[in-house]
Amino acid sequence: MVLLNDIHWKNQSTNLTGRRPYAVKSYFLTLLSFGGTYNFERVSTWNFPTNNFESYKFIIFPLNISNIHWAVIVADLELRKIFYLDSLRGRNGLFWMQCIRQYFIDMYIQQHGVETVPQWTMECIYNCAQQPNSYDCGVFTCMFAYSLMMGQSIPSVYPQYSSGRFLIAQSIMNGCVLPLLSN
């Protein structure tokens, strides 16, 4: 996620204007919802590149579910909509989407001091690519995040998912994101 952020936040050669995407570290949601309970205090001082959420197009929240599965939640700050993407399709992301929605409500109240806050909608995306096995959820989560950060739509199929693990490892070793998907 840090390497994906570098594309939009640290790369000076990129001429980006307007709102930008951002991906938080994977333990943000763990802290926010530890033990199955929402707790704003655990992340209320979390450092984003800017705390003005109007600066973001969307924020990506990788989600580790019980240390056995990865999924991703995307908060589209322009549409005020929260999406849940899961490559196993069998999980229910409602609890985590509600935590993210409540987080944005609490941040809005903290920043603006008002009780009237923007409304958020939530949606589970079921037509996203599905993993053909029980162990590639992390690869699919990274590829969902990559697609979003690169301005691509969420693929419904990843034809060469096995090469994804290699490309992610190479990106980490090289310190920059390699193309994970062809256009």
C-alpha atoms as a PDB file:
ATOM      1  CA  MET A   1       0.000   0.000   0.000  1.00  0.00           C
ATOM      2  CA  VAL A   2       2.890   2.355   0.760  1.00  0.00           C
ATOM      3  CA  LEU A   3       4.321   1.804  -2.721  1.00  0.00           C
ATOM      4  CA  LEU A   4       0.929   2.473  -4.277  1.00  0.00           C
ATOM      5  CA  ASN A   5       0.715   5.736  -2.346  1.00  0.00           C
ATOM      6  CA  ASP A   6       4.092   6.796  -3.717  1.00  0.00           C
ATOM      7  CA  ILE A   7       2.513   6.986  -7.185  1.00  0.00           C
ATOM      8  CA  HIS A   8       0.231   9.809  -6.095  1.00  0.00           C
ATOM      9  CA  TRP A   9       1.878  11.368  -3.033  1.00  0.00           C
ATOM     10  CA  LYS A  10       5.674  11.182  -3.401  1.00  0.00           C
ATOM     11  CA  ASN A  11       6.376  10.968  -7.122  1.00  0.00           C
ATOM     12  CA  GLN A  12       7.231  14.546  -8.102  1.00  0.00           C
ATOM     13  CA  SER A  13       7.335  13.704 -11.810  1.00  0.00           C
ATOM     14  CA  THR A  14       3.611  12.948 -11.774  1.00  0.00           C
ATOM     15  CA  ASN A  15       1.525  16.004 -12.594  1.00  0.00           C
ATOM     16  CA  LEU A  16      -1.520  15.356 -10.475  1.00  0.00           C
ATOM     17  CA  THR A  17      -4.168  17.914  -9.787  1.00  0.00           C
ATOM     18  CA  GLY A  18      -7.378  17.643  -7.849  1.00  0.00           C
ATOM     19  CA  ARG A  19      -8.315  14.855  -5.491  1.00  0.00           C
ATOM     20  CA  ARG A  20      -5.970  11.910  -5.100  1.00  0.00           C
ATOM     21  CA  PRO A  21      -6.446   8.338  -3.901  1.00  0.00           C
ATOM     22  CA  TYR A  22      -4.802   7.080  -0.741  1.00  0.00           C
ATOM     23  CA  ALA A  23      -4.295   3.614   0.758  1.00  0.00           C
ATOM     24  CA  VAL A  24      -3.978   3.251   4.534  1.00  0.00           C
ATOM     25  CA  LYS A  25      -1.784   0.680   6.215  1.00  0.00           C
ATOM     26  CA  SER A  26      -3.396  -2.656   6.910  1.00  0.00           C
ATOM     27  CA  TYR A  27      -3.606  -2.268  10.669  1.00  0.00           C
ATOM     28  CA  PHE A  28      -5.883   0.815  10.541  1.00  0.00           C
ATOM     29  CA  LEU A  29      -9.056  -1.296  10.373  1.00  0.00           C
ATOM     30  CA  THR A  30      -7.672  -3.729  12.928  1.00  0.00           C
ATOM     31  CA  LEU A  31      -7.262  -0.872  15.389  1.00  0.00           C
ATOM     32  CA  LEU A  32     -10.607   0.695  14.512  1.00  0.00           C
ATOM     33  CA  SER A  33     -12.548  -2.542  14.997  1.00  0.00           C
ATOM     34  CA  PHE A  34     -10.411  -4.569  17.407  1.00  0.00           C
ATOM     35  CA  GLY A  35     -12.349  -7.338  19.122  1.00  0.00           C
ATOM     36  CA  GLY A  36     -15.416  -6.711  16.984  1.00  0.00           C
ATOM     37  CA  THR A  37     -16.061  -3.312  18.583  1.00  0.00           C
ATOM     38  CA  TYR A  38     -15.786   0.090  16.917  1.00  0.00           C
ATOM     39  CA  ASN A  39     -13.386   2.402  18.757  1.00  0.00           C
ATOM     40  CA  PHE A  40     -12.703   5.835  17.245  1.00  0.00           C
ATOM     41  CA  GLU A  41     -10.142   6.732  19.919  1.00  0.00           C
ATOM     42  CA  ARG A  42      -7.686   4.129  18.616  1.00  0.00           C
ATOM     43  CA  VAL A  43      -7.358   5.942  15.268  1.00  0.00           C
ATOM     44  CA  SER A  44      -8.561   9.484  15.996  1.00  0.00           C
ATOM     45  CA  THR A  45      -5.026  10.848  15.629  1.00  0.00           C
ATOM     46  CA  TRP A  46      -4.070   8.704  12.626  1.00  0.00           C
ATOM     47  CA  ASN A  47      -1.753  10.612  10.297  1.00  0.00           C
ATOM     48  CA  PHE A  48      -2.942  10.953   6.726  1.00  0.00           C
ATOM     49  CA  PRO A  49      -0.955  13.016   4.178  1.00  0.00           C
ATOM     50  CA  THR A  50      -3.609  15.636   4.822  1.00  0.00           C
ATOM     51  CA  ASN A  51      -6.457  15.512   7.317  1.00  0.00           C
ATOM     52  CA  ASN A  52      -8.682  17.428   4.922  1.00  0.00           C
ATOM     53  CA  PHE A  53     -10.691  14.521   3.549  1.00  0.00           C
ATOM     54  CA  GLU A  54     -11.883  16.724   0.687  1.00  0.00           C
ATOM     55  CA  SER A  55      -8.352  16.240  -0.731  1.00  0.00           C
ATOM     56  CA  TYR A  56      -8.973  12.556  -1.414  1.00  0.00           C
ATOM     57  CA  LYS A  57     -10.786  10.964  -4.298  1.00  0.00           C
ATOM     58  CA  PHE A  58     -11.062   7.739  -2.340  1.00  0.00           C
ATOM     59  CA  ILE A  59      -9.321   5.913   0.490  1.00  0.00           C
ATOM     60  CA  ILE A  60      -8.470   2.224   0.342  1.00  0.00           C
ATOM     61  CA  PHE A  61      -8.625   0.200   3.564  1.00  0.00           C
ATOM     62  CA  PRO A  62      -7.019  -3.276   3.356  1.00  0.00           C
ATOM     63  CA  LEU A  63      -8.800  -5.630   5.724  1.00  0.00           C
ATOM     64  CA  ASN A  64      -7.320  -8.642   7.485  1.00  0.00           C
ATOM     65  CA  ILE A  65     -10.175 -10.831   8.689  1.00  0.00           C
ATOM     66  CA  SER A  66      -9.238 -12.987  11.703  1.00  0.00           C
ATOM     67  CA  ASN A  67      -5.691 -13.469  10.349  1.00  0.00           C
ATOM     68  CA  ILE A  68      -7.011 -15.871   7.717  1.00  0.00           C
ATOM     69  CA  HIS A  69      -8.371 -13.744   4.884  1.00  0.00           C
ATOM     70  CA  TRP A  70      -7.792 -10.406   3.141  1.00  0.00           C
ATOM     71  CA  ALA A  71     -10.389  -8.141   1.573  1.00  0.00           C
ATOM     72  CA  VAL A  72     -10.534  -4.417   0.839  1.00  0.00           C
ATOM     73  CA  ILE A  73     -12.888  -1.571   1.634  1.00  0.00           C
ATOM     74  CA  VAL A  74     -12.940   1.546  -0.515  1.00  0.00           C
ATOM     75  CA  ALA A  75     -14.413   4.823   0.677  1.00  0.00           C
ATOM     76  CA  ASP A  76     -15.256   7.012  -2.307  1.00  0.00           C
ATOM     77  CA  LEU A  77     -15.174  10.492  -0.809  1.00  0.00           C
ATOM     78  CA  GLU A  78     -16.670  12.145  -3.881  1.00  0.00           C
ATOM     79  CA  LEU A  79     -19.710   9.854  -3.987  1.00  0.00           C
ATOM     80  CA  ARG A  80     -19.856   9.357  -0.180  1.00  0.00           C
ATOM     81  CA  LYS A  81     -20.075   5.630  -0.811  1.00  0.00           C
ATOM     82  CA  ILE A  82     -18.267   2.723   0.848  1.00  0.00           C
ATOM     83  CA  PHE A  83     -17.569  -0.435  -1.148  1.00  0.00           C
ATOM     84  CA  TYR A  84     -16.527  -3.878   0.077  1.00  0.00           C
ATOM     85  CA  LEU A  85     -14.478  -6.070  -2.287  1.00  0.00           C
ATOM     86  CA  ASP A  86     -13.829  -9.693  -1.403  1.00  0.00           C
ATOM     87  CA  SER A  87     -12.227 -12.237  -3.722  1.00  0.00           C
ATOM     88  CA  LEU A  88     -14.068 -15.072  -1.925  1.00  0.00           C
ATOM     89  CA  ARG A  89     -17.469 -13.401  -2.186  1.00  0.00           C
ATOM     90  CA  GLY A  90     -18.667 -15.367   0.819  1.00  0.00           C
ATOM     91  CA  ARG A  91     -17.759 -12.828   3.474  1.00  0.00           C
ATOM     92  CA  ASN A  92     -20.069 -10.138   4.740  1.00  0.00           C
ATOM     93  CA  GLY A  93     -18.383  -6.736   4.964  1.00  0.00           C
ATOM     94  CA  LEU A  94     -21.248  -4.881   6.634  1.00  0.00           C
ATOM     95  CA  PHE A  95     -19.581  -4.536  10.060  1.00  0.00           C
ATOM     96  CA  TRP A  96     -16.359  -3.089   8.604  1.00  0.00           C
ATOM     97  CA  MET A  97     -18.212  -0.781   6.222  1.00  0.00           C
ATOM     98  CA  GLN A  98     -20.225   0.508   9.191  1.00  0.00           C
ATOM     99  CA  CYS A  99     -16.982   1.106  11.105  1.00  0.00           C
ATOM    100  CA  ILE A 100     -15.544   3.124   8.213  1.00  0.00           C
ATOM    101  CA  ARG A 101     -18.790   5.089   7.836  1.00  0.00           C
ATOM    102  CA  GLN A 102     -18.815   5.870  11.572  1.00  0.00           C
ATOM    103  CA  TYR A 103     -15.136   6.842  11.402  1.00  0.00           C
ATOM    104  CA  PHE A 104     -15.857   9.469   8.727  1.00  0.00           C
ATOM    105  CA  ILE A 105     -18.841  10.733  10.694  1.00  0.00           C
ATOM    106  CA  ASP A 106     -16.744  11.032  13.866  1.00  0.00           C
ATOM    107  CA  MET A 107     -13.910  12.755  11.977  1.00  0.00           C
ATOM    108  CA  TYR A 108     -16.367  15.203  10.430  1.00  0.00           C
ATOM    109  CA  ILE A 109     -17.783  16.057  13.855  1.00  0.00           C
ATOM    110  CA  GLN A 110     -14.257  16.380  15.294  1.00  0.00           C
ATOM    111  CA  GLN A 111     -13.143  18.698  12.480  1.00  0.00           C
ATOM    112  CA  HIS A 112     -16.314  20.764  12.029  1.00  0.00           C
ATOM    113  CA  GLY A 113     -17.921  20.562  15.455  1.00  0.00           C
ATOM    114  CA  VAL A 114     -21.370  19.891  14.045  1.00  0.00           C
ATOM    115  CA  GLU A 115     -23.821  17.036  14.323  1.00  0.00           C
ATOM    116  CA  THR A 116     -25.230  17.393  10.794  1.00  0.00           C
ATOM    117  CA  VAL A 117     -22.921  15.219   8.729  1.00  0.00           C
ATOM    118  CA  PRO A 118     -22.878  13.989   5.136  1.00  0.00           C
ATOM    119  CA  GLN A 119     -24.732  10.734   4.541  1.00  0.00           C
ATOM    120  CA  TRP A 120     -22.841   7.636   3.415  1.00  0.00           C
ATOM    121  CA  THR A 121     -24.133   4.619   1.502  1.00  0.00           C
ATOM    122  CA  MET A 122     -22.584   1.151   1.495  1.00  0.00           C
ATOM    123  CA  GLU A 123     -22.379  -1.616  -1.097  1.00  0.00           C
ATOM    124  CA  CYS A 124     -20.795  -5.066  -1.336  1.00  0.00           C
ATOM    125  CA  ILE A 125     -19.344  -5.562  -4.824  1.00  0.00           C
ATOM    126  CA  TYR A 126     -20.012  -9.142  -5.859  1.00  0.00           C
ATOM    127  CA  ASN A 127     -18.904  -9.000  -9.500  1.00  0.00           C
ATOM    128  CA  CYS A 128     -15.218  -8.485  -8.702  1.00  0.00           C
ATOM    129  CA  ALA A 129     -12.571 -11.063  -9.610  1.00  0.00           C
ATOM    130  CA  GLN A 130     -12.761 -14.234  -7.536  1.00  0.00           C
ATOM    131  CA  GLN A 131      -9.788 -16.290  -6.446  1.00  0.00           C
ATOM    132  CA  PRO A 132      -9.763 -19.915  -7.631  1.00  0.00           C
ATOM    133  CA  ASN A 133      -8.117 -21.198  -4.443  1.00  0.00           C
ATOM    134  CA  SER A 134      -7.978 -20.579  -0.700  1.00  0.00           C
ATOM    135  CA  TYR A 135      -4.649 -18.746  -0.494  1.00  0.00           C
ATOM    136  CA  ASP A 136      -4.486 -15.873  -3.016  1.00  0.00           C
ATOM    137  CA  CYS A 137      -6.708 -13.385  -1.154  1.00  0.00           C
ATOM    138  CA  GLY A 138      -3.739 -11.110  -0.399  1.00  0.00           C
ATOM    139  CA  VAL A 139      -2.753 -11.033  -4.066  1.00  0.00           C
ATOM    140  CA  PHE A 140      -6.299 -10.152  -5.066  1.00  0.00           C
ATOM    141  CA  THR A 141      -6.510  -7.449  -2.393  1.00  0.00           C
ATOM    142  CA  CYS A 142      -3.293  -5.882  -3.715  1.00  0.00           C
ATOM    143  CA  MET A 143      -4.559  -6.090  -7.281  1.00  0.00           C
ATOM    144  CA  PHE A 144      -7.883  -4.484  -6.381  1.00  0.00           C
ATOM    145  CA  ALA A 145      -5.958  -1.649  -4.714  1.00  0.00           C
ATOM    146  CA  TYR A 146      -3.602  -1.384  -7.694  1.00  0.00           C
ATOM    147  CA  SER A 147      -6.496  -1.155 -10.154  1.00  0.00           C
ATOM    148  CA  LEU A 148      -8.117   1.627  -8.156  1.00  0.00           C
ATOM    149  CA  MET A 149      -4.899   3.570  -7.641  1.00  0.00           C
ATOM    150  CA  MET A 150      -4.136   3.387 -11.361  1.00  0.00           C
ATOM    151  CA  GLY A 151      -7.584   4.708 -12.268  1.00  0.00           C
ATOM    152  CA  GLN A 152      -8.773   1.409 -13.715  1.00  0.00           C
ATOM    153  CA  SER A 153     -12.070  -0.268 -13.023  1.00  0.00           C
ATOM    154  CA  ILE A 154     -12.209  -3.255 -10.700  1.00  0.00           C
ATOM    155  CA  PRO A 155     -11.632  -6.314 -12.894  1.00  0.00           C
ATOM    156  CA  SER A 156     -14.169  -9.099 -12.842  1.00  0.00           C
ATOM    157  CA  VAL A 157     -11.445 -11.625 -13.765  1.00  0.00           C
ATOM    158  CA  TYR A 158      -7.689 -11.855 -13.237  1.00  0.00           C
ATOM    159  CA  PRO A 159      -6.557 -14.250 -15.950  1.00  0.00           C
ATOM    160  CA  GLN A 160      -2.965 -14.566 -14.691  1.00  0.00           C
ATOM    161  CA  TYR A 161      -3.404 -14.369 -10.940  1.00  0.00           C
ATOM    162  CA  SER A 162      -0.409 -16.663 -10.350  1.00  0.00           C
ATOM    163  CA  SER A 163       1.983 -14.053 -11.775  1.00  0.00           C
ATOM    164  CA  GLY A 164       0.523 -11.449  -9.415  1.00  0.00           C
ATOM    165  CA  ARG A 165       2.390 -12.833  -6.409  1.00  0.00           C
ATOM    166  CA  PHE A 166       5.688 -12.596  -8.314  1.00  0.00           C
ATOM    167  CA  LEU A 167       5.011  -9.040  -9.540  1.00  0.00           C
ATOM    168  CA  ILE A 168       4.061  -7.875  -6.040  1.00  0.00           C
ATOM    169  CA  ALA A 169       7.277  -9.382  -4.626  1.00  0.00           C
ATOM    170  CA  GLN A 170       9.332  -7.735  -7.407  1.00  0.00           C
ATOM    171  CA  SER A 171       7.640  -4.382  -6.718  1.00  0.00           C
ATOM    172  CA  ILE A 172       8.555  -4.624  -3.026  1.00  0.00           C
ATOM    173  CA  MET A 173      12.138  -5.620  -3.791  1.00  0.00           C
ATOM    174  CA  ASN A 174      12.527  -2.786  -6.353  1.00  0.00           C
ATOM    175  CA  GLY A 175      10.823  -0.214  -4.135  1.00  0.00           C
ATOM    176  CA  CYS A 176       8.380   0.824  -6.843  1.00  0.00           C
ATOM    177  CA  VAL A 177       5.148  -0.525  -8.269  1.00  0.00           C
ATOM    178  CA  LEU A 178       5.533  -2.660 -11.383  1.00  0.00           C
ATOM    179  CA  PRO A 179       2.565  -2.994 -13.740  1.00  0.00           C
ATOM    180  CA  LEU A 180       0.408  -5.702 -12.186  1.00  0.00           C
ATOM    181  CA  LEU A 181      -2.291  -5.665 -14.839  1.00  0.00           C
ATOM    182  CA  SER A 182      -2.304  -4.903 -18.516  1.00  0.00           C
ATOM    183  CA  ASN A 183      -4.801  -2.326 -19.743  1.00  0.00           C
END
